[in-house]
Amino acid sequence: KPTVNITTPATAVEGDKITVTYTASDNVTATEKLTVSIDVTLAGKPVELDADNAFVASEGSYIVTVTVTDEEGKNRFRDADDHRCKKFGRRIRFG
């Protein structure tokens, strides 16, 4: 299975541009062959990311989910609050 860590800052000021950052690897699949998807929600609604995987922060609590899939189709989601793999994302408070 692949591994993933979300490295996006946990706090910010309203109006900041927040870039979703992460590290991903796999013990079998080369890193450049991993497929990565990023989802951000605010109050259950999707947040649109720009080409740099960034968004402008509004006040609230965001969930950032990074999904990494290896060549065998195995997925790994990262909960960056406690750095354990479970269901799924990082809560980020702004404002």
N, C-alpha and C. Protein backbone atom coordinates (compact mmCIF):
# COMPACT_ATOMS: atom_id res chain seq x y z
N LYS A 1 0.84 -1.20 0.00
CA LYS A 1 0.00 0.00 0.00
C LYS A 1 0.87 1.25 0.00
N PRO A 2 0.40 2.28 -0.64
CA PRO A 2 1.14 3.54 -0.60
C PRO A 2 1.02 4.20 0.77
N THR A 3 1.91 5.13 1.02
CA THR A 3 1.82 5.96 2.23
C THR A 3 1.70 7.41 1.81
N VAL A 4 1.02 8.20 2.64
CA VAL A 4 0.83 9.62 2.33
C VAL A 4 0.78 10.41 3.63
N ASN A 5 1.37 11.58 3.61
CA ASN A 5 1.31 12.52 4.73
C ASN A 5 0.92 13.88 4.20
N ILE A 6 -0.08 14.50 4.82
CA ILE A 6 -0.47 15.86 4.45
C ILE A 6 0.41 16.82 5.23
N THR A 7 1.04 17.75 4.51
CA THR A 7 1.96 18.69 5.15
C THR A 7 1.45 20.13 5.12
N THR A 8 0.19 20.31 4.73
CA THR A 8 -0.44 21.63 4.72
C THR A 8 -0.49 22.18 6.15
N PRO A 9 -0.22 23.48 6.34
CA PRO A 9 -0.31 24.05 7.70
C PRO A 9 -1.68 23.83 8.32
N ALA A 10 -1.73 23.68 9.63
CA ALA A 10 -2.99 23.40 10.33
C ALA A 10 -3.79 24.67 10.64
N THR A 11 -3.17 25.83 10.58
CA THR A 11 -3.88 27.08 10.86
C THR A 11 -3.48 28.13 9.84
N ALA A 12 -4.35 29.12 9.68
CA ALA A 12 -4.07 30.23 8.76
C ALA A 12 -4.97 31.39 9.13
N VAL A 13 -4.75 32.51 8.49
CA VAL A 13 -5.57 33.71 8.68
C VAL A 13 -6.51 33.83 7.48
N GLU A 14 -7.74 34.25 7.74
CA GLU A 14 -8.70 34.44 6.67
C GLU A 14 -8.08 35.29 5.57
N GLY A 15 -8.25 34.84 4.32
CA GLY A 15 -7.69 35.55 3.18
C GLY A 15 -6.35 35.00 2.71
N ASP A 16 -5.69 34.17 3.54
CA ASP A 16 -4.44 33.53 3.13
C ASP A 16 -4.70 32.57 1.97
N LYS A 17 -3.72 32.47 1.08
CA LYS A 17 -3.76 31.43 0.06
C LYS A 17 -3.13 30.18 0.65
N ILE A 18 -3.89 29.09 0.70
CA ILE A 18 -3.45 27.84 1.30
C ILE A 18 -3.19 26.84 0.19
N THR A 19 -1.97 26.34 0.11
CA THR A 19 -1.62 25.32 -0.86
C THR A 19 -1.61 23.96 -0.16
N VAL A 20 -2.37 23.03 -0.70
CA VAL A 20 -2.41 21.68 -0.15
C VAL A 20 -1.11 20.98 -0.56
N THR A 21 -0.34 20.58 0.44
CA THR A 21 0.93 19.89 0.19
C THR A 21 0.91 18.54 0.87
N TYR A 22 1.69 17.63 0.34
CA TYR A 22 1.70 16.26 0.86
C TYR A 22 2.99 15.58 0.41
N THR A 23 3.29 14.45 1.02
CA THR A 23 4.31 13.54 0.54
C THR A 23 3.64 12.19 0.31
N ALA A 24 4.08 11.48 -0.73
CA ALA A 24 3.50 10.18 -1.04
C ALA A 24 4.60 9.24 -1.50
N SER A 25 4.48 7.97 -1.13
CA SER A 25 5.45 6.96 -1.58
C SER A 25 4.78 5.60 -1.55
N ASP A 26 5.47 4.62 -2.13
CA ASP A 26 4.97 3.25 -2.14
C ASP A 26 6.17 2.33 -2.18
N ASN A 27 6.06 1.17 -1.55
CA ASN A 27 7.20 0.26 -1.52
C ASN A 27 7.36 -0.55 -2.80
N VAL A 28 6.36 -0.48 -3.72
CA VAL A 28 6.43 -1.22 -4.97
C VAL A 28 6.37 -0.28 -6.18
N THR A 29 5.41 0.63 -6.19
CA THR A 29 5.19 1.53 -7.32
C THR A 29 6.11 2.74 -7.21
N ALA A 30 6.73 3.12 -8.32
CA ALA A 30 7.56 4.33 -8.34
C ALA A 30 6.68 5.55 -8.06
N THR A 31 7.22 6.50 -7.33
CA THR A 31 6.46 7.68 -6.91
C THR A 31 5.79 8.38 -8.09
N GLU A 32 6.50 8.51 -9.21
CA GLU A 32 5.92 9.22 -10.36
C GLU A 32 4.75 8.47 -10.99
N LYS A 33 4.55 7.20 -10.62
CA LYS A 33 3.43 6.42 -11.16
C LYS A 33 2.24 6.35 -10.20
N LEU A 34 2.35 6.97 -9.04
CA LEU A 34 1.23 7.03 -8.11
C LEU A 34 0.21 8.04 -8.61
N THR A 35 -1.06 7.75 -8.41
CA THR A 35 -2.12 8.68 -8.75
C THR A 35 -2.58 9.36 -7.46
N VAL A 36 -2.66 10.69 -7.50
CA VAL A 36 -3.03 11.46 -6.31
C VAL A 36 -4.26 12.30 -6.62
N SER A 37 -5.23 12.28 -5.71
CA SER A 37 -6.36 13.20 -5.81
C SER A 37 -6.50 13.95 -4.49
N ILE A 38 -6.91 15.20 -4.60
CA ILE A 38 -7.04 16.07 -3.43
C ILE A 38 -8.46 16.60 -3.39
N ASP A 39 -9.10 16.48 -2.24
CA ASP A 39 -10.44 17.03 -2.03
C ASP A 39 -10.41 17.90 -0.79
N VAL A 40 -11.03 19.07 -0.90
CA VAL A 40 -11.15 20.00 0.22
C VAL A 40 -12.62 20.34 0.36
N THR A 41 -13.14 20.28 1.59
CA THR A 41 -14.52 20.69 1.84
C THR A 41 -14.57 21.69 2.98
N LEU A 42 -15.56 22.55 2.93
CA LEU A 42 -15.87 23.51 3.99
C LEU A 42 -17.35 23.36 4.27
N ALA A 43 -17.69 22.98 5.48
CA ALA A 43 -19.09 22.77 5.88
C ALA A 43 -19.77 21.78 4.92
N GLY A 44 -19.04 20.74 4.52
CA GLY A 44 -19.59 19.71 3.67
C GLY A 44 -19.68 20.06 2.20
N LYS A 45 -19.24 21.26 1.81
CA LYS A 45 -19.30 21.68 0.41
C LYS A 45 -17.90 21.68 -0.19
N PRO A 46 -17.77 21.24 -1.44
CA PRO A 46 -16.45 21.20 -2.08
C PRO A 46 -15.86 22.60 -2.23
N VAL A 47 -14.55 22.69 -2.05
CA VAL A 47 -13.80 23.92 -2.25
C VAL A 47 -12.99 23.75 -3.53
N GLU A 48 -13.11 24.70 -4.45
CA GLU A 48 -12.37 24.61 -5.71
C GLU A 48 -10.91 24.97 -5.49
N LEU A 49 -10.03 24.13 -6.03
CA LEU A 49 -8.61 24.37 -5.96
C LEU A 49 -8.12 24.93 -7.28
N ASP A 50 -7.09 25.78 -7.22
CA ASP A 50 -6.50 26.29 -8.46
C ASP A 50 -5.48 25.29 -8.99
N ALA A 51 -4.76 25.66 -10.04
CA ALA A 51 -3.79 24.76 -10.67
C ALA A 51 -2.65 24.37 -9.74
N ASP A 52 -2.42 25.17 -8.68
CA ASP A 52 -1.37 24.88 -7.70
C ASP A 52 -1.89 24.10 -6.49
N ASN A 53 -3.11 23.57 -6.59
CA ASN A 53 -3.77 22.88 -5.46
C ASN A 53 -3.93 23.82 -4.27
N ALA A 54 -4.34 25.06 -4.56
CA ALA A 54 -4.47 26.07 -3.51
C ALA A 54 -5.88 26.67 -3.53
N PHE A 55 -6.23 27.29 -2.40
CA PHE A 55 -7.49 28.01 -2.27
C PHE A 55 -7.29 29.16 -1.30
N VAL A 56 -8.20 30.13 -1.34
CA VAL A 56 -8.14 31.27 -0.43
C VAL A 56 -9.02 30.95 0.77
N ALA A 57 -8.45 31.07 1.96
CA ALA A 57 -9.13 30.67 3.18
C ALA A 57 -10.24 31.65 3.56
N SER A 58 -11.37 31.07 3.91
CA SER A 58 -12.45 31.79 4.58
C SER A 58 -12.52 31.26 5.99
N GLU A 59 -13.25 31.93 6.86
CA GLU A 59 -13.38 31.43 8.23
C GLU A 59 -14.12 30.11 8.22
N GLY A 60 -13.65 29.16 8.99
CA GLY A 60 -14.32 27.88 9.11
C GLY A 60 -13.34 26.74 9.29
N SER A 61 -13.89 25.55 9.32
CA SER A 61 -13.11 24.33 9.50
C SER A 61 -13.16 23.53 8.21
N TYR A 62 -12.00 23.30 7.62
CA TYR A 62 -11.88 22.58 6.36
C TYR A 62 -11.48 21.14 6.61
N ILE A 63 -11.90 20.28 5.70
CA ILE A 63 -11.39 18.91 5.68
C ILE A 63 -10.61 18.75 4.38
N VAL A 64 -9.33 18.43 4.51
CA VAL A 64 -8.46 18.20 3.36
C VAL A 64 -8.18 16.70 3.30
N THR A 65 -8.51 16.08 2.18
CA THR A 65 -8.29 14.65 2.00
C THR A 65 -7.39 14.43 0.80
N VAL A 66 -6.30 13.71 1.01
CA VAL A 66 -5.40 13.33 -0.07
C VAL A 66 -5.51 11.81 -0.22
N THR A 67 -5.84 11.37 -1.43
CA THR A 67 -5.95 9.95 -1.73
C THR A 67 -4.84 9.59 -2.71
N VAL A 68 -4.07 8.58 -2.38
CA VAL A 68 -2.99 8.09 -3.24
C VAL A 68 -3.32 6.67 -3.64
N THR A 69 -3.22 6.39 -4.94
CA THR A 69 -3.50 5.06 -5.46
C THR A 69 -2.26 4.54 -6.19
N ASP A 70 -1.87 3.30 -5.88
CA ASP A 70 -0.71 2.72 -6.56
C ASP A 70 -1.16 2.00 -7.83
N GLU A 71 -0.20 1.41 -8.55
CA GLU A 71 -0.51 0.74 -9.82
C GLU A 71 -1.42 -0.47 -9.65
N GLU A 72 -1.45 -1.06 -8.47
CA GLU A 72 -2.32 -2.20 -8.22
C GLU A 72 -3.73 -1.77 -7.82
N GLY A 73 -3.95 -0.47 -7.73
CA GLY A 73 -5.27 0.04 -7.36
C GLY A 73 -5.50 0.12 -5.87
N LYS A 74 -4.44 -0.08 -5.08
CA LYS A 74 -4.58 0.03 -3.63
C LYS A 74 -4.54 1.50 -3.24
N ASN A 75 -5.44 1.88 -2.35
CA ASN A 75 -5.57 3.28 -1.92
C ASN A 75 -5.02 3.48 -0.54
N ARG A 76 -4.60 4.69 -0.26
CA ARG A 76 -4.25 5.10 1.10
C ARG A 76 -4.76 6.52 1.27
N PHE A 77 -5.51 6.73 2.32
CA PHE A 77 -6.00 8.05 2.68
C PHE A 77 -5.25 8.49 3.92
N ARG A 78 -5.06 9.77 4.10
CA ARG A 78 -4.31 10.22 5.26
C ARG A 78 -5.14 11.17 6.10
N ASP A 79 -5.23 10.86 7.36
CA ASP A 79 -5.78 11.77 8.36
C ASP A 79 -4.58 12.43 9.03
N ALA A 80 -4.34 13.67 8.69
CA ALA A 80 -3.13 14.33 9.17
C ALA A 80 -3.29 14.93 10.56
N ASP A 81 -4.50 14.85 11.15
CA ASP A 81 -4.65 15.32 12.53
C ASP A 81 -3.78 14.51 13.48
N ASP A 82 -3.81 13.20 13.33
CA ASP A 82 -3.06 12.36 14.25
C ASP A 82 -2.09 11.43 13.53
N HIS A 83 -1.94 11.63 12.24
CA HIS A 83 -0.98 10.89 11.43
C HIS A 83 -1.21 9.38 11.47
N ARG A 84 -2.48 9.00 11.56
CA ARG A 84 -2.84 7.59 11.40
C ARG A 84 -3.81 7.49 10.24
N CYS A 85 -3.77 6.39 9.58
CA CYS A 85 -4.68 6.19 8.47
C CYS A 85 -6.04 5.77 9.02
N LYS A 86 -7.02 6.59 8.87
CA LYS A 86 -8.39 6.26 9.17
C LYS A 86 -9.27 7.14 8.33
N LYS A 87 -10.40 7.48 8.70
CA LYS A 87 -11.35 8.15 7.83
C LYS A 87 -11.40 9.62 8.15
N PHE A 88 -11.09 10.40 7.21
CA PHE A 88 -10.06 10.62 6.19
C PHE A 88 -9.93 12.10 6.05
N GLY A 89 -8.97 12.74 6.39
CA GLY A 89 -8.79 14.15 6.08
C GLY A 89 -8.16 14.89 7.22
N ARG A 90 -8.00 16.15 7.03
CA ARG A 90 -7.39 16.98 8.05
C ARG A 90 -8.31 18.16 8.30
N ARG A 91 -8.64 18.39 9.53
CA ARG A 91 -9.46 19.55 9.86
C ARG A 91 -8.53 20.73 10.07
N ILE A 92 -8.83 21.79 9.35
CA ILE A 92 -8.01 22.99 9.43
C ILE A 92 -8.92 24.14 9.81
N ARG A 93 -8.59 24.85 10.87
CA ARG A 93 -9.39 25.99 11.31
C ARG A 93 -8.75 27.28 10.84
N PHE A 94 -9.56 28.15 10.28
CA PHE A 94 -9.11 29.46 9.84
C PHE A 94 -9.98 30.50 10.51
N GLY A 95 -9.39 31.66 10.77
CA GLY A 95 -10.16 32.78 11.31
C GLY A 95 -10.05 32.93 12.80
